Amino acid sequence: MKTFSRTHLPEVVKYNGEEYRNDAYSSGALSAGSIRKLSTIVSYNKLLGKKTILVEVLSSRLKGKTDAHNRPYKPTKWVFTNK
């Protein structure tokens, strides 16, 4: 599985001649914490015949900055599939 880092959330990611779009169901399950491991999402999508990539989004203004608890900001993870 390929991981991309971006400063904004794209609608479509082109990789190896295929278009990948945001999979709202998988992204929501990952962010809500109902599925803790990304490998679970990848194996489920593989059963459905989908290829999966991960897009990590962190605003360029937040790079190198810390939050109120003096911890660096973490990127938001989005799951993209090809179908």
Protein backbone atom coordinates (compact mmCIF):
# COMPACT_ATOMS: atom_id res chain seq x y z
CA MET A 1 0.00 0.00 0.00
CA LYS A 2 1.31 3.40 -1.01
CA THR A 3 1.19 6.44 1.29
CA PHE A 4 1.03 10.01 -0.01
CA SER A 5 1.57 13.18 2.01
CA ARG A 6 -0.39 16.25 0.93
CA THR A 7 -1.13 19.75 2.25
CA HIS A 8 -4.76 19.61 1.05
CA LEU A 9 -7.28 16.84 0.41
CA PRO A 10 -7.41 16.00 -3.31
CA GLU A 11 -10.52 14.65 -5.01
CA VAL A 12 -8.59 12.21 -7.19
CA VAL A 13 -5.10 10.74 -6.87
CA LYS A 14 -3.51 9.25 -9.98
CA TYR A 15 -1.07 6.42 -9.28
CA ASN A 16 0.24 3.79 -11.73
CA GLY A 17 -2.24 4.87 -14.40
CA GLU A 18 -5.29 4.41 -12.15
CA GLU A 19 -7.52 6.97 -10.48
CA TYR A 20 -8.14 6.61 -6.77
CA ARG A 21 -11.05 8.35 -5.04
CA ASN A 22 -11.84 8.93 -1.38
CA ASP A 23 -13.59 5.95 0.23
CA ALA A 24 -15.82 7.64 2.80
CA TYR A 25 -16.77 4.41 4.56
CA SER A 26 -13.17 3.29 5.16
CA SER A 27 -11.93 6.79 6.03
CA GLY A 28 -14.76 7.26 8.52
CA ALA A 29 -14.11 3.90 10.16
CA LEU A 30 -10.42 4.73 10.49
CA SER A 31 -10.96 8.20 11.97
CA ALA A 32 -13.74 7.11 14.34
CA GLY A 33 -11.52 4.43 15.80
CA SER A 34 -13.90 1.56 15.13
CA ILE A 35 -11.14 -0.06 13.08
CA ARG A 36 -7.80 0.38 14.77
CA LYS A 37 -5.49 -1.16 12.19
CA LEU A 38 -5.12 0.04 8.65
CA SER A 39 -4.25 -3.51 7.58
CA THR A 40 -7.84 -4.54 8.38
CA ILE A 41 -9.18 -1.97 5.94
CA VAL A 42 -6.66 -2.99 3.27
CA SER A 43 -7.51 -6.69 3.57
CA TYR A 44 -11.26 -5.95 3.44
CA ASN A 45 -10.87 -3.83 0.30
CA LYS A 46 -8.69 -6.54 -1.22
CA LEU A 47 -11.54 -9.02 -0.74
CA LEU A 48 -13.80 -6.60 -2.62
CA GLY A 49 -11.27 -6.35 -5.45
CA LYS A 50 -10.17 -2.80 -4.67
CA LYS A 51 -6.66 -1.40 -4.45
CA THR A 52 -6.03 0.93 -1.52
CA ILE A 53 -3.71 3.88 -0.92
CA LEU A 54 -3.39 6.14 2.12
CA VAL A 55 -3.30 9.94 1.87
CA GLU A 56 -2.05 11.87 4.90
CA VAL A 57 -3.15 15.51 4.94
CA LEU A 58 -1.48 18.18 7.07
CA SER A 59 -1.82 21.88 6.32
CA SER A 60 1.42 23.62 5.45
CA ARG A 61 0.69 26.15 8.19
CA LEU A 62 0.75 23.41 10.84
CA LYS A 63 4.06 21.81 9.83
CA GLY A 64 6.58 22.28 12.62
CA LYS A 65 3.95 23.77 14.97
CA THR A 66 2.79 22.37 18.29
CA ASP A 67 -0.64 22.27 19.93
CA ALA A 68 -1.63 23.48 23.42
CA HIS A 69 -0.02 20.39 24.97
CA ASN A 70 3.29 21.05 23.19
CA ARG A 71 2.89 18.06 20.84
CA PRO A 72 3.36 18.37 17.07
CA TYR A 73 0.25 18.26 14.93
CA LYS A 74 -0.48 14.90 13.27
CA PRO A 75 -1.80 14.50 9.73
CA THR A 76 -5.35 13.35 9.06
CA LYS A 77 -5.47 9.95 7.33
CA TRP A 78 -7.77 9.35 4.36
CA VAL A 79 -8.29 6.04 2.55
CA PHE A 80 -8.54 6.13 -1.25
CA THR A 81 -9.63 3.18 -3.42
CA ASN A 82 -9.59 2.64 -7.16
CA LYS A 83 -13.26 1.63 -7.61
